[in-house]
PDB file of N, CA and C in Angstrom:
ATOM      1  N   UNK A   1       1.504   4.162  -2.549  1.00  0.00           N
ATOM      2  CA  UNK A   1       0.090   4.869  -2.715  1.00  0.00           C
ATOM      3  C   UNK A   1      -0.040   5.790  -4.106  1.00  0.00           C
ATOM      4  N   UNK A   2      -1.405   5.688  -4.757  1.00  0.00           N
ATOM      5  CA  UNK A   2      -1.340   6.570  -5.556  1.00  0.00           C
ATOM      6  C   UNK A   2      -1.970   7.808  -5.027  1.00  0.00           C
ATOM      7  N   UNK A   3      -0.860   8.986  -5.213  1.00  0.00           N
ATOM      8  CA  UNK A   3      -1.410   9.995  -4.676  1.00  0.00           C
ATOM      9  C   UNK A   3      -2.694  10.495  -4.962  1.00  0.00           C
ATOM     10  N   UNK A   4      -2.841  10.479  -6.083  1.00  0.00           N
ATOM     11  CA  UNK A   4      -4.064  11.211  -6.786  1.00  0.00           C
ATOM     12  C   UNK A   4      -5.551  10.721  -6.081  1.00  0.00           C
ATOM     13  N   UNK A   5      -5.171   9.468  -5.013  1.00  0.00           N
ATOM     14  CA  UNK A   5      -6.122   8.995  -4.247  1.00  0.00           C
ATOM     15  C   UNK A   5      -6.092   9.118  -2.878  1.00  0.00           C
ATOM     16  N   UNK A   6      -5.167  10.090  -2.446  1.00  0.00           N
ATOM     17  CA  UNK A   6      -4.697  10.077  -1.177  1.00  0.00           C
ATOM     18  C   UNK A   6      -5.946  10.631   0.002  1.00  0.00           C
ATOM     19  N   UNK A   7      -7.061  11.393  -0.339  1.00  0.00           N
ATOM     20  CA  UNK A   7      -7.798  11.895   0.446  1.00  0.00           C
ATOM     21  C   UNK A   7      -8.776  10.471   0.607  1.00  0.00           C
ATOM     22  N   UNK A   8      -9.272  10.104  -0.483  1.00  0.00           N
ATOM     23  CA  UNK A   8     -10.078   8.920  -0.467  1.00  0.00           C
ATOM     24  C   UNK A   8      -9.434   7.802   0.318  1.00  0.00           C
ATOM     25  N   UNK A   9      -8.067   7.458   0.428  1.00  0.00           N
ATOM     26  CA  UNK A   9      -7.230   6.443   1.144  1.00  0.00           C
ATOM     27  C   UNK A   9      -7.691   6.623   2.474  1.00  0.00           C
ATOM     28  N   UNK A  10      -7.309   7.922   2.889  1.00  0.00           N
ATOM     29  CA  UNK A  10      -7.105   8.349   4.394  1.00  0.00           C
ATOM     30  C   UNK A  10      -8.714   8.383   4.911  1.00  0.00           C
ATOM     31  N   UNK A  11      -9.599   8.549   4.051  1.00  0.00           N
ATOM     32  CA  UNK A  11     -11.243   8.576   4.620  1.00  0.00           C
ATOM     33  C   UNK A  11     -11.336   7.159   4.764  1.00  0.00           C
ATOM     34  N   UNK A  12     -10.745   5.961   3.880  1.00  0.00           N
ATOM     35  CA  UNK A  12     -11.276   4.756   4.253  1.00  0.00           C
ATOM     36  C   UNK A  12     -10.338   4.203   4.998  1.00  0.00           C
ATOM     37  N   UNK A  13      -9.081   4.698   5.312  1.00  0.00           N
ATOM     38  CA  UNK A  13      -8.536   3.978   6.732  1.00  0.00           C
ATOM     39  C   UNK A  13      -9.082   4.467   7.857  1.00  0.00           C
ATOM     40  N   UNK A  14      -9.600   5.522   8.077  1.00  0.00           N
ATOM     41  CA  UNK A  14     -10.271   5.842   9.205  1.00  0.00           C
ATOM     42  C   UNK A  14     -11.583   5.204   9.515  1.00  0.00           C
ATOM     43  N   UNK A  15     -12.081   4.344   8.675  1.00  0.00           N
ATOM     44  CA  UNK A  15     -13.363   3.633   8.497  1.00  0.00           C
ATOM     45  C   UNK A  15     -13.082   2.230   9.197  1.00  0.00           C
ATOM     46  N   UNK A  16     -11.618   1.858   9.106  1.00  0.00           N
ATOM     47  CA  UNK A  16     -11.422   1.051   9.880  1.00  0.00           C
ATOM     48  C   UNK A  16     -11.241   0.998  11.498  1.00  0.00           C
ATOM     49  N   UNK A  17     -12.084   0.098  12.073  1.00  0.00           N
ATOM     50  CA  UNK A  17     -11.941  -0.023  13.421  1.00  0.00           C
ATOM     51  C   UNK A  17     -10.489  -0.527  14.003  1.00  0.00           C
ATOM     52  N   UNK A  18      -9.978   0.277  14.780  1.00  0.00           N
ATOM     53  CA  UNK A  18      -8.644  -0.295  15.158  1.00  0.00           C
ATOM     54  C   UNK A  18      -7.352   0.992  14.973  1.00  0.00           C
ATOM     55  N   UNK A  19      -7.784   1.958  13.362  1.00  0.00           N
ATOM     56  CA  UNK A  19      -7.056   2.702  13.220  1.00  0.00           C
ATOM     57  C   UNK A  19      -7.134   3.876  13.978  1.00  0.00           C
ATOM     58  N   UNK A  20      -6.006   4.481  14.674  1.00  0.00           N
ATOM     59  CA  UNK A  20      -6.241   5.437  15.536  1.00  0.00           C
ATOM     60  C   UNK A  20      -5.697   6.820  15.077  1.00  0.00           C
ATOM     61  N   UNK A  21      -4.488   6.611  14.096  1.00  0.00           N
ATOM     62  CA  UNK A  21      -3.713   7.798  13.513  1.00  0.00           C
ATOM     63  C   UNK A  21      -3.267   7.431  12.098  1.00  0.00           C
ATOM     64  N   UNK A  22      -3.546   8.827  11.142  1.00  0.00           N
ATOM     65  CA  UNK A  22      -2.968   8.390  10.059  1.00  0.00           C
ATOM     66  C   UNK A  22      -1.751   9.864   9.828  1.00  0.00           C
ATOM     67  N   UNK A  23      -0.710   9.292   9.589  1.00  0.00           N
ATOM     68  CA  UNK A  23       0.005  10.715   9.039  1.00  0.00           C
ATOM     69  C   UNK A  23       0.913  10.657   8.057  1.00  0.00           C
ATOM     70  N   UNK A  24       0.959  11.680   7.317  1.00  0.00           N
ATOM     71  CA  UNK A  24       1.745  11.827   5.904  1.00  0.00           C
ATOM     72  C   UNK A  24       3.030  12.087   6.257  1.00  0.00           C
ATOM     73  N   UNK A  25       3.755  11.331   5.503  1.00  0.00           N
ATOM     74  CA  UNK A  25       5.231  11.393   5.867  1.00  0.00           C
ATOM     75  C   UNK A  25       6.243  11.621   4.862  1.00  0.00           C
ATOM     76  N   UNK A  26       7.159  11.828   4.975  1.00  0.00           N
ATOM     77  CA  UNK A  26       8.412  12.026   4.079  1.00  0.00           C
ATOM     78  C   UNK A  26       9.329  10.875   4.019  1.00  0.00           C
ATOM     79  N   UNK A  27      10.065  10.276   2.937  1.00  0.00           N
ATOM     80  CA  UNK A  27      11.077   9.190   2.899  1.00  0.00           C
ATOM     81  C   UNK A  27      10.595   8.211   2.226  1.00  0.00           C
ATOM     82  N   UNK A  28      10.548   7.215   2.486  1.00  0.00           N
ATOM     83  CA  UNK A  28      10.041   5.529   1.439  1.00  0.00           C
ATOM     84  C   UNK A  28       8.850   5.351   1.701  1.00  0.00           C
ATOM     85  N   UNK A  29       8.195   5.678   2.710  1.00  0.00           N
ATOM     86  CA  UNK A  29       6.730   5.844   2.637  1.00  0.00           C
ATOM     87  C   UNK A  29       6.008   6.985   2.572  1.00  0.00           C
ATOM     88  N   UNK A  30       4.798   6.950   2.339  1.00  0.00           N
ATOM     89  CA  UNK A  30       3.897   8.151   1.731  1.00  0.00           C
ATOM     90  C   UNK A  30       2.977   8.406   3.343  1.00  0.00           C
ATOM     91  N   UNK A  31       2.314   7.197   3.681  1.00  0.00           N
ATOM     92  CA  UNK A  31       1.684   7.426   4.953  1.00  0.00           C
ATOM     93  C   UNK A  31       2.010   6.740   6.244  1.00  0.00           C
ATOM     94  N   UNK A  32       1.730   6.888   7.222  1.00  0.00           N
ATOM     95  CA  UNK A  32       2.080   6.005   8.619  1.00  0.00           C
ATOM     96  C   UNK A  32       0.771   5.869   9.318  1.00  0.00           C
ATOM     97  N   UNK A  33       0.512   4.689   9.354  1.00  0.00           N
ATOM     98  CA  UNK A  33      -0.715   4.179   9.828  1.00  0.00           C
ATOM     99  C   UNK A  33      -0.473   3.439  11.291  1.00  0.00           C
ATOM    100  N   UNK A  34      -1.133   4.321  12.323  1.00  0.00           N
ATOM    101  CA  UNK A  34      -1.134   3.643  13.733  1.00  0.00           C
ATOM    102  C   UNK A  34      -2.271   2.779  13.965  1.00  0.00           C
ATOM    103  N   UNK A  35      -2.301   1.925  14.310  1.00  0.00           N
ATOM    104  CA  UNK A  35      -3.771   1.019  14.647  1.00  0.00           C
ATOM    105  C   UNK A  35      -3.245   0.056  15.779  1.00  0.00           C
ATOM    106  N   UNK A  36      -4.767  -0.318  16.485  1.00  0.00           N
ATOM    107  CA  UNK A  36      -4.530  -1.100  17.478  1.00  0.00           C
ATOM    108  C   UNK A  36      -5.380  -2.255  17.575  1.00  0.00           C
ATOM    109  N   UNK A  37      -4.898  -3.502  18.024  1.00  0.00           N
ATOM    110  CA  UNK A  37      -5.795  -4.889  17.775  1.00  0.00           C
ATOM    111  C   UNK A  37      -5.251  -5.626  19.046  1.00  0.00           C
ATOM    112  N   UNK A  38      -6.278  -6.345  19.572  1.00  0.00           N
ATOM    113  CA  UNK A  38      -6.253  -7.350  20.595  1.00  0.00           C
ATOM    114  C   UNK A  38      -5.493  -8.696  20.131  1.00  0.00           C
ATOM    115  N   UNK A  39      -5.323  -9.218  18.895  1.00  0.00           N
ATOM    116  CA  UNK A  39      -4.405 -10.009  18.558  1.00  0.00           C
ATOM    117  C   UNK A  39      -3.739 -10.087  17.026  1.00  0.00           C
ATOM    118  N   UNK A  40      -3.048 -11.241  17.073  1.00  0.00           N
ATOM    119  CA  UNK A  40      -2.413 -11.028  15.663  1.00  0.00           C
ATOM    120  C   UNK A  40      -3.263 -11.336  14.344  1.00  0.00           C
ATOM    121  N   UNK A  41      -3.961 -12.229  14.716  1.00  0.00           N
ATOM    122  CA  UNK A  41      -5.282 -12.629  13.896  1.00  0.00           C
ATOM    123  C   UNK A  41      -6.188 -11.274  13.175  1.00  0.00           C
ATOM    124  N   UNK A  42      -6.208 -10.378  14.147  1.00  0.00           N
ATOM    125  CA  UNK A  42      -6.938  -9.112  13.787  1.00  0.00           C
ATOM    126  C   UNK A  42      -5.757  -8.229  13.187  1.00  0.00           C
ATOM    127  N   UNK A  43      -4.799  -8.003  13.374  1.00  0.00           N
ATOM    128  CA  UNK A  43      -3.776  -7.403  12.684  1.00  0.00           C
ATOM    129  C   UNK A  43      -3.795  -7.708  11.152  1.00  0.00           C
ATOM    130  N   UNK A  44      -3.718  -9.264  10.840  1.00  0.00           N
ATOM    131  CA  UNK A  44      -3.489  -9.608   9.795  1.00  0.00           C
ATOM    132  C   UNK A  44      -5.054  -9.328   9.012  1.00  0.00           C
ATOM    133  N   UNK A  45      -6.193  -9.516   9.856  1.00  0.00           N
ATOM    134  CA  UNK A  45      -7.291  -8.920   9.003  1.00  0.00           C
ATOM    135  C   UNK A  45      -7.350  -7.847   8.523  1.00  0.00           C
ATOM    136  N   UNK A  46      -7.398  -6.867   9.348  1.00  0.00           N
ATOM    137  CA  UNK A  46      -6.763  -5.331   9.312  1.00  0.00           C
ATOM    138  C   UNK A  46      -6.219  -4.940   7.840  1.00  0.00           C
ATOM    139  N   UNK A  47      -4.636  -5.383   7.910  1.00  0.00           N
ATOM    140  CA  UNK A  47      -3.924  -5.365   6.910  1.00  0.00           C
ATOM    141  C   UNK A  47      -4.359  -6.001   5.569  1.00  0.00           C
ATOM    142  N   UNK A  48      -4.649  -7.226   5.441  1.00  0.00           N
ATOM    143  CA  UNK A  48      -4.897  -7.988   4.357  1.00  0.00           C
ATOM    144  C   UNK A  48      -6.412  -7.758   3.849  1.00  0.00           C
ATOM    145  N   UNK A  49      -7.195  -7.809   4.556  1.00  0.00           N
ATOM    146  CA  UNK A  49      -8.529  -7.788   4.004  1.00  0.00           C
ATOM    147  C   UNK A  49      -9.246  -6.331   4.159  1.00  0.00           C
ATOM    148  N   UNK A  50      -8.494  -5.337   4.900  1.00  0.00           N
ATOM    149  CA  UNK A  50      -9.053  -4.011   4.821  1.00  0.00           C
ATOM    150  C   UNK A  50      -8.239  -3.127   4.039  1.00  0.00           C
ATOM    151  N   UNK A  51      -7.307  -2.872   4.606  1.00  0.00           N
ATOM    152  CA  UNK A  51      -5.843  -2.082   4.076  1.00  0.00           C
ATOM    153  C   UNK A  51      -5.877  -2.320   2.663  1.00  0.00           C
ATOM    154  N   UNK A  52      -5.442  -3.621   2.500  1.00  0.00           N
ATOM    155  CA  UNK A  52      -4.880  -3.982   1.269  1.00  0.00           C
ATOM    156  C   UNK A  52      -5.665  -3.957   0.160  1.00  0.00           C
ATOM    157  N   UNK A  53      -7.084  -3.945   0.522  1.00  0.00           N
ATOM    158  CA  UNK A  53      -8.029  -3.725  -0.616  1.00  0.00           C
ATOM    159  C   UNK A  53      -8.889  -2.250  -0.847  1.00  0.00           C
ATOM    160  N   UNK A  54      -7.801  -1.443  -0.201  1.00  0.00           N
ATOM    161  CA  UNK A  54      -8.535   0.252  -0.321  1.00  0.00           C
ATOM    162  C   UNK A  54      -7.865   0.755  -1.823  1.00  0.00           C
ATOM    163  N   UNK A  55      -8.718   0.927  -2.739  1.00  0.00           N
ATOM    164  CA  UNK A  55      -8.586   1.501  -4.060  1.00  0.00           C
ATOM    165  C   UNK A  55      -7.253   2.305  -3.976  1.00  0.00           C
ATOM    166  N   UNK A  56      -6.151   2.426  -4.431  1.00  0.00           N
ATOM    167  CA  UNK A  56      -5.172   3.382  -4.415  1.00  0.00           C
ATOM    168  C   UNK A  56      -3.764   2.997  -3.371  1.00  0.00           C
ATOM    169  N   UNK A  57      -4.024   1.909  -2.667  1.00  0.00           N
ATOM    170  CA  UNK A  57      -3.266   1.022  -2.167  1.00  0.00           C
ATOM    171  C   UNK A  57      -2.369   0.513  -2.881  1.00  0.00           C
ATOM    172  N   UNK A  58      -0.990   0.650  -2.963  1.00  0.00           N
ATOM    173  CA  UNK A  58      -0.097  -0.016  -3.771  1.00  0.00           C
ATOM    174  C   UNK A  58       0.682  -1.418  -3.192  1.00  0.00           C
ATOM    175  N   UNK A  59       1.014  -0.873  -1.963  1.00  0.00           N
ATOM    176  CA  UNK A  59       1.737  -1.882  -0.992  1.00  0.00           C
ATOM    177  C   UNK A  59       1.719  -1.625   0.530  1.00  0.00           C
ATOM    178  N   UNK A  60       2.313  -2.088   1.303  1.00  0.00           N
ATOM    179  CA  UNK A  60       2.104  -1.939   2.857  1.00  0.00           C
ATOM    180  C   UNK A  60       3.522  -2.862   3.378  1.00  0.00           C
ATOM    181  N   UNK A  61       3.503  -1.975   4.298  1.00  0.00           N
ATOM    182  CA  UNK A  61       4.679  -3.086   5.338  1.00  0.00           C
ATOM    183  C   UNK A  61       4.142  -2.847   6.760  1.00  0.00           C
ATOM    184  N   UNK A  62       4.270  -3.695   7.442  1.00  0.00           N
ATOM    185  CA  UNK A  62       3.667  -3.616   8.956  1.00  0.00           C
ATOM    186  C   UNK A  62       4.938  -3.789   9.987  1.00  0.00           C
ATOM    187  N   UNK A  63       4.806  -3.009  10.930  1.00  0.00           N
ATOM    188  CA  UNK A  63       6.129  -3.059  12.082  1.00  0.00           C
ATOM    189  C   UNK A  63       4.820  -3.201  13.342  1.00  0.00           C
ATOM    190  N   UNK A  64       5.441  -4.279  14.331  1.00  0.00           N
ATOM    191  CA  UNK A  64       4.829  -4.200  15.505  1.00  0.00           C
ATOM    192  C   UNK A  64       5.010  -3.703  16.739  1.00  0.00           C
ATOM    193  N   UNK A  65       4.774  -2.934  17.016  1.00  0.00           N
ATOM    194  CA  UNK A  65       5.522  -2.366  18.326  1.00  0.00           C
ATOM    195  C   UNK A  65       5.401  -3.005  19.746  1.00  0.00           C
ATOM    196  N   UNK A  66       6.848  -3.278  20.173  1.00  0.00           N
ATOM    197  CA  UNK A  66       6.653  -4.294  21.226  1.00  0.00           C
ATOM    198  C   UNK A  66       6.679  -3.608  22.557  1.00  0.00           C
ATOM    199  N   UNK A  67       7.376  -2.415  22.337  1.00  0.00           N
ATOM    200  CA  UNK A  67       7.580  -1.657  23.819  1.00  0.00           C
ATOM    201  C   UNK A  67       7.607  -0.167  23.363  1.00  0.00           C
ATOM    202  N   UNK A  68       6.873   0.627  23.975  1.00  0.00           N
ATOM    203  CA  UNK A  68       7.730   2.333  23.991  1.00  0.00           C
ATOM    204  C   UNK A  68       7.596   2.900  25.189  1.00  0.00           C
ATOM    205  N   UNK A  69       8.696   3.741  25.008  1.00  0.00           N
ATOM    206  CA  UNK A  69       9.026   4.708  26.019  1.00  0.00           C
ATOM    207  C   UNK A  69       8.877   5.918  25.853  1.00  0.00           C
ATOM    208  N   UNK A  70       8.402   7.091  26.607  1.00  0.00           N
ATOM    209  CA  UNK A  70       8.513   8.312  26.333  1.00  0.00           C
ATOM    210  C   UNK A  70       9.328   9.227  26.988  1.00  0.00           C
ATOM    211  N   UNK A  71       9.920  10.028  26.472  1.00  0.00           N
ATOM    212  CA  UNK A  71      10.710  11.251  27.247  1.00  0.00           C
ATOM    213  C   UNK A  71      10.145  12.474  27.136  1.00  0.00           C
ATOM    214  N   UNK A  72      10.101  13.301  28.310  1.00  0.00           N
ATOM    215  CA  UNK A  72       9.269  14.665  28.783  1.00  0.00           C
ATOM    216  C   UNK A  72      10.204  15.424  27.935  1.00  0.00           C
ATOM    217  N   UNK A  73       9.490  16.305  27.036  1.00  0.00           N
ATOM    218  CA  UNK A  73      10.272  17.306  26.642  1.00  0.00           C
ATOM    219  C   UNK A  73       9.844  18.546  27.145  1.00  0.00           C
ATOM    220  N   UNK A  74      10.750  19.551  27.644  1.00  0.00           N
ATOM    221  CA  UNK A  74      10.515  20.565  28.299  1.00  0.00           C
ATOM    222  C   UNK A  74       9.601  21.737  27.284  1.00  0.00           C
ATOM    223  N   UNK A  75       9.578  21.572  26.299  1.00  0.00           N
ATOM    224  CA  UNK A  75       8.817  22.509  25.359  1.00  0.00           C
ATOM    225  C   UNK A  75       7.351  21.965  24.952  1.00  0.00           C
ATOM    226  N   UNK A  76       7.178  20.850  25.329  1.00  0.00           N
ATOM    227  CA  UNK A  76       5.948  20.254  24.604  1.00  0.00           C
ATOM    228  C   UNK A  76       5.167  19.793  25.913  1.00  0.00           C
ATOM    229  N   UNK A  77       4.089  20.222  26.255  1.00  0.00           N
ATOM    230  CA  UNK A  77       2.951  19.776  27.344  1.00  0.00           C
ATOM    231  C   UNK A  77       2.883  18.141  27.177  1.00  0.00           C
ATOM    232  N   UNK A  78       2.885  17.937  28.432  1.00  0.00           N
ATOM    233  CA  UNK A  78       2.520  16.071  28.370  1.00  0.00           C
ATOM    234  C   UNK A  78       1.127  16.169  28.239  1.00  0.00           C
ATOM    235  N   UNK A  79       0.648  14.856  27.550  1.00  0.00           N
ATOM    236  CA  UNK A  79      -0.873  14.651  27.194  1.00  0.00           C
ATOM    237  C   UNK A  79      -1.670  14.605  28.256  1.00  0.00           C
ATOM    238  N   UNK A  80      -1.022  14.170  29.534  1.00  0.00           N
ATOM    239  CA  UNK A  80      -1.864  14.098  30.636  1.00  0.00           C
ATOM    240  C   UNK A  80      -2.451  15.478  31.160  1.00  0.00           C
ATOM    241  N   UNK A  81      -1.233  16.607  30.991  1.00  0.00           N
ATOM    242  CA  UNK A  81      -1.824  17.898  31.496  1.00  0.00           C
ATOM    243  C   UNK A  81      -2.144  19.030  30.755  1.00  0.00           C
ATOM    244  N   UNK A  82      -3.863  18.770  30.193  1.00  0.00           N
ATOM    245  CA  UNK A  82      -4.340  20.025  29.468  1.00  0.00           C
ATOM    246  C   UNK A  82      -4.772  21.284  30.160  1.00  0.00           C
TER     247      UNK A  82
END
């Protein structure tokens, strides 16, 4: 990502239906985008046609979550108890 365009990129990402979270991270990547879709075709469209065309995006890598598990942490309230 072109860091000079960070705010523009994040703003454009949130305009994409299915994008739920954008996190700035350390390491090999600049941002991590969590998104949901109903099909692989929809993911392809979101990544290739929408995210890839945002000015300032230099490259992307996609990971498909197959299954997730959560561990309760005693020092963090669960999302269900507000």
